């Protein structure tokens, strides 16, 4: 599997927003060189037409906060041809199955909202009964802030990320995101320390890194380090990463 760049859309109150350091109360509508507005479907079309992207990570911030959802928008984005990776605060097998019926190709289980690690085995059995990192529909997102794991309950919060990743692997999950929310939109570069630890512990896993990607040099560094992909938002919207950058990496 070649290194992939997955563009990110953070959805809040019906629009795409600019995520910065995980401080969601301060997120403002996104301003992008790719489209004239913060309409998420327009931005998704631009990912396809202007950047040649085939996948898109969506964080439904309203669903994560438990105050509504953007499922209609998710279906419209999927209709552009993008394979949607959706984080909608999913933490149970039933919720994971419902996400996949609403247009998502892959469901993300974020540790930020995961309440019970034992549920990972039930989710994997429901979504990916035959584990394979190449075709996995379920990803566990190790949500970090300054290297500390965020969790939806004391049973998850503060666990060692590698320990939880190993638990998820044993449960049948083969794909992982290592995401430092404190670096999202910061322009501060990517902290790969925890991602390297997960890679060392799980050499056959799919590992995608997010939080702080600035430019093509950061992407090349991640690719050389043996990761499978990167989540990118701000650098696409500012034009720091262009279609030419993506073609060169391809």
C-alpha atoms as a PDB file:
ATOM      1  CA  UNK A   1       0.000   0.000   0.000  1.00  0.00           C
ATOM      2  CA  UNK A   2       1.505   3.348  -1.043  1.00  0.00           C
ATOM      3  CA  UNK A   3       1.624   6.432   1.170  1.00  0.00           C
ATOM      4  CA  UNK A   4      -1.693   8.302   1.016  1.00  0.00           C
ATOM      5  CA  UNK A   5      -2.737  11.851   1.840  1.00  0.00           C
ATOM      6  CA  UNK A   6      -6.237  11.990   3.323  1.00  0.00           C
ATOM      7  CA  UNK A   7      -7.813  15.459   3.369  1.00  0.00           C
ATOM      8  CA  UNK A   8      -9.785  16.373   6.477  1.00  0.00           C
ATOM      9  CA  UNK A   9     -13.125  18.102   6.920  1.00  0.00           C
ATOM     10  CA  UNK A  10     -14.195  19.139  10.417  1.00  0.00           C
ATOM     11  CA  UNK A  11     -17.955  19.762  10.450  1.00  0.00           C
ATOM     12  CA  UNK A  12     -19.715  21.972  12.973  1.00  0.00           C
ATOM     13  CA  UNK A  13     -23.097  23.701  12.771  1.00  0.00           C
ATOM     14  CA  UNK A  14     -23.497  22.785   9.108  1.00  0.00           C
ATOM     15  CA  UNK A  15     -20.192  24.120   7.786  1.00  0.00           C
ATOM     16  CA  UNK A  16     -16.571  23.074   7.521  1.00  0.00           C
ATOM     17  CA  UNK A  17     -14.506  24.726  10.232  1.00  0.00           C
ATOM     18  CA  UNK A  18     -10.826  25.453  10.739  1.00  0.00           C
ATOM     19  CA  UNK A  19      -9.643  23.213  13.565  1.00  0.00           C
ATOM     20  CA  UNK A  20      -6.877  24.624  15.760  1.00  0.00           C
ATOM     21  CA  UNK A  21      -5.337  22.742  18.684  1.00  0.00           C
ATOM     22  CA  UNK A  22      -8.584  20.965  19.525  1.00  0.00           C
ATOM     23  CA  UNK A  23     -10.116  24.160  20.982  1.00  0.00           C
ATOM     24  CA  UNK A  24     -13.518  23.497  19.413  1.00  0.00           C
ATOM     25  CA  UNK A  25     -15.427  26.380  20.986  1.00  0.00           C
ATOM     26  CA  UNK A  26     -13.166  28.729  19.012  1.00  0.00           C
ATOM     27  CA  UNK A  27     -13.390  27.014  15.615  1.00  0.00           C
ATOM     28  CA  UNK A  28     -14.451  29.393  12.828  1.00  0.00           C
ATOM     29  CA  UNK A  29     -15.731  28.595   9.316  1.00  0.00           C
ATOM     30  CA  UNK A  30     -12.905  27.382   7.102  1.00  0.00           C
ATOM     31  CA  UNK A  31     -11.361  29.696   4.532  1.00  0.00           C
ATOM     32  CA  UNK A  32      -9.750  27.828   1.684  1.00  0.00           C
ATOM     33  CA  UNK A  33      -7.961  28.455  -1.584  1.00  0.00           C
ATOM     34  CA  UNK A  34      -9.833  25.414  -2.905  1.00  0.00           C
ATOM     35  CA  UNK A  35     -13.394  26.776  -2.758  1.00  0.00           C
ATOM     36  CA  UNK A  36     -15.125  30.138  -2.274  1.00  0.00           C
ATOM     37  CA  UNK A  37     -17.062  29.128   0.843  1.00  0.00           C
ATOM     38  CA  UNK A  38     -16.973  26.831   3.852  1.00  0.00           C
ATOM     39  CA  UNK A  39     -19.615  24.566   2.349  1.00  0.00           C
ATOM     40  CA  UNK A  40     -18.278  21.061   3.043  1.00  0.00           C
ATOM     41  CA  UNK A  41     -19.661  19.512  -0.144  1.00  0.00           C
ATOM     42  CA  UNK A  42     -18.011  22.220  -2.275  1.00  0.00           C
ATOM     43  CA  UNK A  43     -14.724  21.544  -0.509  1.00  0.00           C
ATOM     44  CA  UNK A  44     -15.136  17.799  -1.026  1.00  0.00           C
ATOM     45  CA  UNK A  45     -15.673  18.352  -4.761  1.00  0.00           C
ATOM     46  CA  UNK A  46     -12.496  20.444  -4.807  1.00  0.00           C
ATOM     47  CA  UNK A  47     -10.580  17.619  -3.128  1.00  0.00           C
ATOM     48  CA  UNK A  48     -11.618  15.411  -6.044  1.00  0.00           C
ATOM     49  CA  UNK A  49     -11.351  17.823  -8.944  1.00  0.00           C
ATOM     50  CA  UNK A  50      -8.393  19.978  -7.942  1.00  0.00           C
ATOM     51  CA  UNK A  51      -6.331  17.585  -5.842  1.00  0.00           C
ATOM     52  CA  UNK A  52      -7.282  14.193  -7.267  1.00  0.00           C
ATOM     53  CA  UNK A  53      -8.109  12.801  -3.823  1.00  0.00           C
ATOM     54  CA  UNK A  54     -10.059   9.570  -3.449  1.00  0.00           C
ATOM     55  CA  UNK A  55     -10.603   9.537   0.317  1.00  0.00           C
ATOM     56  CA  UNK A  56     -11.682  12.053   2.940  1.00  0.00           C
ATOM     57  CA  UNK A  57     -11.621  12.023   6.734  1.00  0.00           C
ATOM     58  CA  UNK A  58     -14.663  13.684   8.295  1.00  0.00           C
ATOM     59  CA  UNK A  59     -14.880  14.640  11.955  1.00  0.00           C
ATOM     60  CA  UNK A  60     -18.531  15.315  12.761  1.00  0.00           C
ATOM     61  CA  UNK A  61     -17.908  17.565  15.745  1.00  0.00           C
ATOM     62  CA  UNK A  62     -21.602  17.918  16.568  1.00  0.00           C
ATOM     63  CA  UNK A  63     -21.999  14.134  16.734  1.00  0.00           C
ATOM     64  CA  UNK A  64     -18.820  13.822  18.809  1.00  0.00           C
ATOM     65  CA  UNK A  65     -20.244  16.403  21.236  1.00  0.00           C
ATOM     66  CA  UNK A  66     -23.598  14.602  21.319  1.00  0.00           C
ATOM     67  CA  UNK A  67     -25.621  17.454  19.852  1.00  0.00           C
ATOM     68  CA  UNK A  68     -26.811  16.385  16.404  1.00  0.00           C
ATOM     69  CA  UNK A  69     -25.039  15.141  13.323  1.00  0.00           C
ATOM     70  CA  UNK A  70     -24.188  15.833   9.689  1.00  0.00           C
ATOM     71  CA  UNK A  71     -25.250  12.521   8.170  1.00  0.00           C
ATOM     72  CA  UNK A  72     -26.991  14.190   5.210  1.00  0.00           C
ATOM     73  CA  UNK A  73     -23.784  16.039   4.434  1.00  0.00           C
ATOM     74  CA  UNK A  74     -21.785  12.829   4.806  1.00  0.00           C
ATOM     75  CA  UNK A  75     -24.001  11.134   2.224  1.00  0.00           C
ATOM     76  CA  UNK A  76     -23.585  14.092  -0.153  1.00  0.00           C
ATOM     77  CA  UNK A  77     -19.799  13.988   0.249  1.00  0.00           C
ATOM     78  CA  UNK A  78     -19.755  10.247  -0.408  1.00  0.00           C
ATOM     79  CA  UNK A  79     -21.738  10.951  -3.590  1.00  0.00           C
ATOM     80  CA  UNK A  80     -18.787  12.994  -4.919  1.00  0.00           C
ATOM     81  CA  UNK A  81     -16.865   9.720  -5.194  1.00  0.00           C
ATOM     82  CA  UNK A  82     -14.759  10.146  -2.060  1.00  0.00           C
ATOM     83  CA  UNK A  83     -14.414   7.182   0.299  1.00  0.00           C
ATOM     84  CA  UNK A  84     -15.436   8.741   3.603  1.00  0.00           C
ATOM     85  CA  UNK A  85     -13.665   7.950   6.855  1.00  0.00           C
ATOM     86  CA  UNK A  86     -16.107   9.111   9.519  1.00  0.00           C
ATOM     87  CA  UNK A  87     -15.561   9.958  13.170  1.00  0.00           C
ATOM     88  CA  UNK A  88     -19.017  10.590  14.587  1.00  0.00           C
ATOM     89  CA  UNK A  89     -18.315   9.770  18.209  1.00  0.00           C
ATOM     90  CA  UNK A  90     -18.868   6.063  17.553  1.00  0.00           C
ATOM     91  CA  UNK A  91     -18.166   3.826  20.540  1.00  0.00           C
ATOM     92  CA  UNK A  92     -20.339   0.709  20.156  1.00  0.00           C
ATOM     93  CA  UNK A  93     -20.806  -2.030  17.568  1.00  0.00           C
ATOM     94  CA  UNK A  94     -24.349  -0.894  16.801  1.00  0.00           C
ATOM     95  CA  UNK A  95     -23.242   2.679  16.213  1.00  0.00           C
ATOM     96  CA  UNK A  96     -20.418   1.483  13.966  1.00  0.00           C
ATOM     97  CA  UNK A  97     -22.803  -0.513  11.795  1.00  0.00           C
ATOM     98  CA  UNK A  98     -25.163   2.462  11.477  1.00  0.00           C
ATOM     99  CA  UNK A  99     -22.321   4.740  10.356  1.00  0.00           C
ATOM    100  CA  UNK A 100     -21.546   2.374   7.489  1.00  0.00           C
ATOM    101  CA  UNK A 101     -25.165   2.502   6.308  1.00  0.00           C
ATOM    102  CA  UNK A 102     -25.026   6.311   6.094  1.00  0.00           C
ATOM    103  CA  UNK A 103     -22.424   6.601   3.343  1.00  0.00           C
ATOM    104  CA  UNK A 104     -19.179   6.089   5.241  1.00  0.00           C
ATOM    105  CA  UNK A 105     -16.707   3.584   3.808  1.00  0.00           C
ATOM    106  CA  UNK A 106     -14.687   3.432   7.027  1.00  0.00           C
ATOM    107  CA  UNK A 107     -15.742   4.054  10.619  1.00  0.00           C
ATOM    108  CA  UNK A 108     -13.371   5.665  13.079  1.00  0.00           C
ATOM    109  CA  UNK A 109     -13.488   4.772  16.746  1.00  0.00           C
ATOM    110  CA  UNK A 110     -11.895   7.723  18.513  1.00  0.00           C
ATOM    111  CA  UNK A 111     -10.485   7.103  21.963  1.00  0.00           C
ATOM    112  CA  UNK A 112     -11.741  10.567  22.893  1.00  0.00           C
ATOM    113  CA  UNK A 113     -15.272   9.127  22.961  1.00  0.00           C
ATOM    114  CA  UNK A 114     -14.526   5.442  23.579  1.00  0.00           C
ATOM    115  CA  UNK A 115     -15.941   4.437  26.946  1.00  0.00           C
ATOM    116  CA  UNK A 116     -15.110   0.746  27.212  1.00  0.00           C
ATOM    117  CA  UNK A 117     -12.051  -0.910  25.602  1.00  0.00           C
ATOM    118  CA  UNK A 118     -13.879  -4.238  25.727  1.00  0.00           C
ATOM    119  CA  UNK A 119     -16.266  -2.903  23.084  1.00  0.00           C
ATOM    120  CA  UNK A 120     -13.444  -2.938  20.522  1.00  0.00           C
ATOM    121  CA  UNK A 121     -13.759  -6.688  20.065  1.00  0.00           C
ATOM    122  CA  UNK A 122     -17.513  -6.400  19.424  1.00  0.00           C
ATOM    123  CA  UNK A 123     -16.965  -3.532  16.982  1.00  0.00           C
ATOM    124  CA  UNK A 124     -14.289  -5.432  15.074  1.00  0.00           C
ATOM    125  CA  UNK A 125     -16.477  -8.548  14.880  1.00  0.00           C
ATOM    126  CA  UNK A 126     -19.400  -6.505  13.553  1.00  0.00           C
ATOM    127  CA  UNK A 127     -17.475  -4.376  11.060  1.00  0.00           C
ATOM    128  CA  UNK A 128     -14.392  -6.413  10.093  1.00  0.00           C
ATOM    129  CA  UNK A 129     -15.101 -10.077  10.843  1.00  0.00           C
ATOM    130  CA  UNK A 130     -12.061 -11.100   8.761  1.00  0.00           C
ATOM    131  CA  UNK A 131      -9.273  -8.740   9.882  1.00  0.00           C
ATOM    132  CA  UNK A 132      -7.085  -7.311   7.110  1.00  0.00           C
ATOM    133  CA  UNK A 133      -5.318  -3.969   7.238  1.00  0.00           C
ATOM    134  CA  UNK A 134      -5.639  -3.650   3.475  1.00  0.00           C
ATOM    135  CA  UNK A 135      -9.433  -3.785   3.494  1.00  0.00           C
ATOM    136  CA  UNK A 136     -10.303  -2.764   7.050  1.00  0.00           C
ATOM    137  CA  UNK A 137     -13.460  -0.728   7.492  1.00  0.00           C
ATOM    138  CA  UNK A 138     -12.703   0.102  11.128  1.00  0.00           C
ATOM    139  CA  UNK A 139      -9.897   2.300  12.417  1.00  0.00           C
ATOM    140  CA  UNK A 140      -8.995   3.085  16.005  1.00  0.00           C
ATOM    141  CA  UNK A 141      -7.937   6.701  16.405  1.00  0.00           C
ATOM    142  CA  UNK A 142      -5.483   7.153  19.252  1.00  0.00           C
ATOM    143  CA  UNK A 143      -6.475  10.710  20.188  1.00  0.00           C
ATOM    144  CA  UNK A 144      -3.653  12.446  22.016  1.00  0.00           C
ATOM    145  CA  UNK A 145      -2.827  15.774  23.551  1.00  0.00           C
ATOM    146  CA  UNK A 146       0.901  16.266  24.119  1.00  0.00           C
ATOM    147  CA  UNK A 147       1.360  12.518  24.007  1.00  0.00           C
ATOM    148  CA  UNK A 148      -1.351  11.748  26.587  1.00  0.00           C
ATOM    149  CA  UNK A 149      -4.236   9.567  25.452  1.00  0.00           C
ATOM    150  CA  UNK A 150      -7.689  11.147  25.595  1.00  0.00           C
ATOM    151  CA  UNK A 151     -10.593   8.918  26.573  1.00  0.00           C
ATOM    152  CA  UNK A 152     -14.349   8.933  26.953  1.00  0.00           C
ATOM    153  CA  UNK A 153     -14.083   7.348  30.409  1.00  0.00           C
ATOM    154  CA  UNK A 154     -11.502   6.683  33.137  1.00  0.00           C
ATOM    155  CA  UNK A 155     -11.151   3.173  31.680  1.00  0.00           C
ATOM    156  CA  UNK A 156      -9.546   4.701  28.570  1.00  0.00           C
ATOM    157  CA  UNK A 157      -8.216   8.071  29.651  1.00  0.00           C
ATOM    158  CA  UNK A 158      -4.481   8.161  30.197  1.00  0.00           C
ATOM    159  CA  UNK A 159      -3.810   4.581  29.080  1.00  0.00           C
ATOM    160  CA  UNK A 160      -0.543   3.990  27.325  1.00  0.00           C
ATOM    161  CA  UNK A 161      -1.364   4.376  23.596  1.00  0.00           C
ATOM    162  CA  UNK A 162       0.676   1.326  22.637  1.00  0.00           C
ATOM    163  CA  UNK A 163      -1.065  -0.803  25.259  1.00  0.00           C
ATOM    164  CA  UNK A 164      -4.475   0.183  23.915  1.00  0.00           C
ATOM    165  CA  UNK A 165      -3.341  -0.326  20.314  1.00  0.00           C
ATOM    166  CA  UNK A 166      -2.153  -3.829  21.207  1.00  0.00           C
ATOM    167  CA  UNK A 167      -5.511  -4.540  22.870  1.00  0.00           C
ATOM    168  CA  UNK A 168      -7.281  -3.360  19.715  1.00  0.00           C
ATOM    169  CA  UNK A 169      -5.039  -5.543  17.536  1.00  0.00           C
ATOM    170  CA  UNK A 170      -5.891  -8.582  19.636  1.00  0.00           C
ATOM    171  CA  UNK A 171      -9.571  -7.637  19.241  1.00  0.00           C
ATOM    172  CA  UNK A 172      -9.216  -7.731  15.436  1.00  0.00           C
ATOM    173  CA  UNK A 173      -8.581  -4.062  14.568  1.00  0.00           C
ATOM    174  CA  UNK A 174      -5.787  -3.680  12.016  1.00  0.00           C
ATOM    175  CA  UNK A 175      -5.841   0.047  11.188  1.00  0.00           C
ATOM    176  CA  UNK A 176      -4.886   2.980  13.406  1.00  0.00           C
ATOM    177  CA  UNK A 177      -4.748   6.764  13.364  1.00  0.00           C
ATOM    178  CA  UNK A 178      -2.308   8.494  15.695  1.00  0.00           C
ATOM    179  CA  UNK A 179      -3.681  12.025  16.076  1.00  0.00           C
ATOM    180  CA  UNK A 180      -2.311  14.749  18.323  1.00  0.00           C
ATOM    181  CA  UNK A 181      -5.202  17.189  18.690  1.00  0.00           C
ATOM    182  CA  UNK A 182      -2.945  19.759  20.314  1.00  0.00           C
ATOM    183  CA  UNK A 183      -0.987  20.075  17.068  1.00  0.00           C
ATOM    184  CA  UNK A 184      -3.950  20.238  14.683  1.00  0.00           C
ATOM    185  CA  UNK A 185      -3.863  23.504  12.735  1.00  0.00           C
ATOM    186  CA  UNK A 186      -0.902  24.724  14.778  1.00  0.00           C
ATOM    187  CA  UNK A 187       1.710  24.835  12.034  1.00  0.00           C
ATOM    188  CA  UNK A 188       4.075  23.318  14.553  1.00  0.00           C
ATOM    189  CA  UNK A 189       4.912  20.131  12.707  1.00  0.00           C
ATOM    190  CA  UNK A 190       4.116  16.524  13.495  1.00  0.00           C
ATOM    191  CA  UNK A 191       5.121  14.760  16.690  1.00  0.00           C
ATOM    192  CA  UNK A 192       5.706  11.170  15.614  1.00  0.00           C
ATOM    193  CA  UNK A 193       6.999   9.697  18.874  1.00  0.00           C
ATOM    194  CA  UNK A 194       3.832   7.782  19.742  1.00  0.00           C
ATOM    195  CA  UNK A 195       3.263   6.774  16.122  1.00  0.00           C
ATOM    196  CA  UNK A 196       6.749   5.277  16.004  1.00  0.00           C
ATOM    197  CA  UNK A 197       6.037   3.340  19.197  1.00  0.00           C
ATOM    198  CA  UNK A 198       2.832   1.942  17.698  1.00  0.00           C
ATOM    199  CA  UNK A 199       4.660   1.029  14.487  1.00  0.00           C
ATOM    200  CA  UNK A 200       7.359  -0.793  16.442  1.00  0.00           C
ATOM    201  CA  UNK A 201       4.762  -2.730  18.451  1.00  0.00           C
ATOM    202  CA  UNK A 202       2.504  -3.487  15.458  1.00  0.00           C
ATOM    203  CA  UNK A 203       4.695  -3.710  12.344  1.00  0.00           C
ATOM    204  CA  UNK A 204       1.876  -5.075  10.157  1.00  0.00           C
ATOM    205  CA  UNK A 205      -0.708  -2.454  11.096  1.00  0.00           C
ATOM    206  CA  UNK A 206      -1.946   0.355   8.860  1.00  0.00           C
ATOM    207  CA  UNK A 207      -0.870   3.560  10.607  1.00  0.00           C
ATOM    208  CA  UNK A 208      -2.001   7.034   9.560  1.00  0.00           C
ATOM    209  CA  UNK A 209      -0.604  10.105  11.332  1.00  0.00           C
ATOM    210  CA  UNK A 210      -2.348  13.423  11.903  1.00  0.00           C
ATOM    211  CA  UNK A 211      -1.858  16.742  13.616  1.00  0.00           C
ATOM    212  CA  UNK A 212       0.533  19.461  12.485  1.00  0.00           C
ATOM    213  CA  UNK A 213       1.418  18.512   8.881  1.00  0.00           C
ATOM    214  CA  UNK A 214       2.841  21.702   7.349  1.00  0.00           C
ATOM    215  CA  UNK A 215       4.123  20.920   3.867  1.00  0.00           C
ATOM    216  CA  UNK A 216       5.505  18.410   1.422  1.00  0.00           C
ATOM    217  CA  UNK A 217       8.662  17.944   3.491  1.00  0.00           C
ATOM    218  CA  UNK A 218       6.572  16.737   6.438  1.00  0.00           C
ATOM    219  CA  UNK A 219       4.740  14.319   4.170  1.00  0.00           C
ATOM    220  CA  UNK A 220       7.982  12.957   2.733  1.00  0.00           C
ATOM    221  CA  UNK A 221       9.353  12.487   6.261  1.00  0.00           C
ATOM    222  CA  UNK A 222       6.282  10.493   7.275  1.00  0.00           C
ATOM    223  CA  UNK A 223       6.465   8.366   4.132  1.00  0.00           C
ATOM    224  CA  UNK A 224      10.158   7.600   4.670  1.00  0.00           C
ATOM    225  CA  UNK A 225       9.405   6.652   8.282  1.00  0.00           C
ATOM    226  CA  UNK A 226       7.171   3.842   7.066  1.00  0.00           C
ATOM    227  CA  UNK A 227       3.757   5.225   7.918  1.00  0.00           C
ATOM    228  CA  UNK A 228       0.862   4.527   5.564  1.00  0.00           C
ATOM    229  CA  UNK A 229      -0.691   7.961   5.292  1.00  0.00           C
ATOM    230  CA  UNK A 230      -1.269  11.405   6.736  1.00  0.00           C
ATOM    231  CA  UNK A 231      -4.328  13.445   7.624  1.00  0.00           C
ATOM    232  CA  UNK A 232      -4.045  16.975   6.236  1.00  0.00           C
ATOM    233  CA  UNK A 233      -6.335  19.994   6.527  1.00  0.00           C
ATOM    234  CA  UNK A 234      -4.821  23.453   7.062  1.00  0.00           C
ATOM    235  CA  UNK A 235      -1.926  22.961   4.619  1.00  0.00           C
ATOM    236  CA  UNK A 236      -4.396  22.102   1.846  1.00  0.00           C
ATOM    237  CA  UNK A 237      -6.618  25.097   2.563  1.00  0.00           C
ATOM    238  CA  UNK A 238      -3.714  27.554   2.633  1.00  0.00           C
ATOM    239  CA  UNK A 239      -2.120  26.104  -0.500  1.00  0.00           C
ATOM    240  CA  UNK A 240       1.055  25.016   1.309  1.00  0.00           C
ATOM    241  CA  UNK A 241       0.347  21.556  -0.121  1.00  0.00           C
ATOM    242  CA  UNK A 242      -0.876  21.505  -3.720  1.00  0.00           C
ATOM    243  CA  UNK A 243      -1.840  18.972  -6.344  1.00  0.00           C
ATOM    244  CA  UNK A 244       1.764  19.116  -7.578  1.00  0.00           C
ATOM    245  CA  UNK A 245       2.945  18.125  -4.096  1.00  0.00           C
ATOM    246  CA  UNK A 246       0.577  15.168  -4.052  1.00  0.00           C
ATOM    247  CA  UNK A 247       1.581  14.052  -7.562  1.00  0.00           C
ATOM    248  CA  UNK A 248       5.262  14.174  -6.608  1.00  0.00           C
ATOM    249  CA  UNK A 249       4.578  12.009  -3.555  1.00  0.00           C
ATOM    250  CA  UNK A 250       2.533   9.548  -5.608  1.00  0.00           C
END
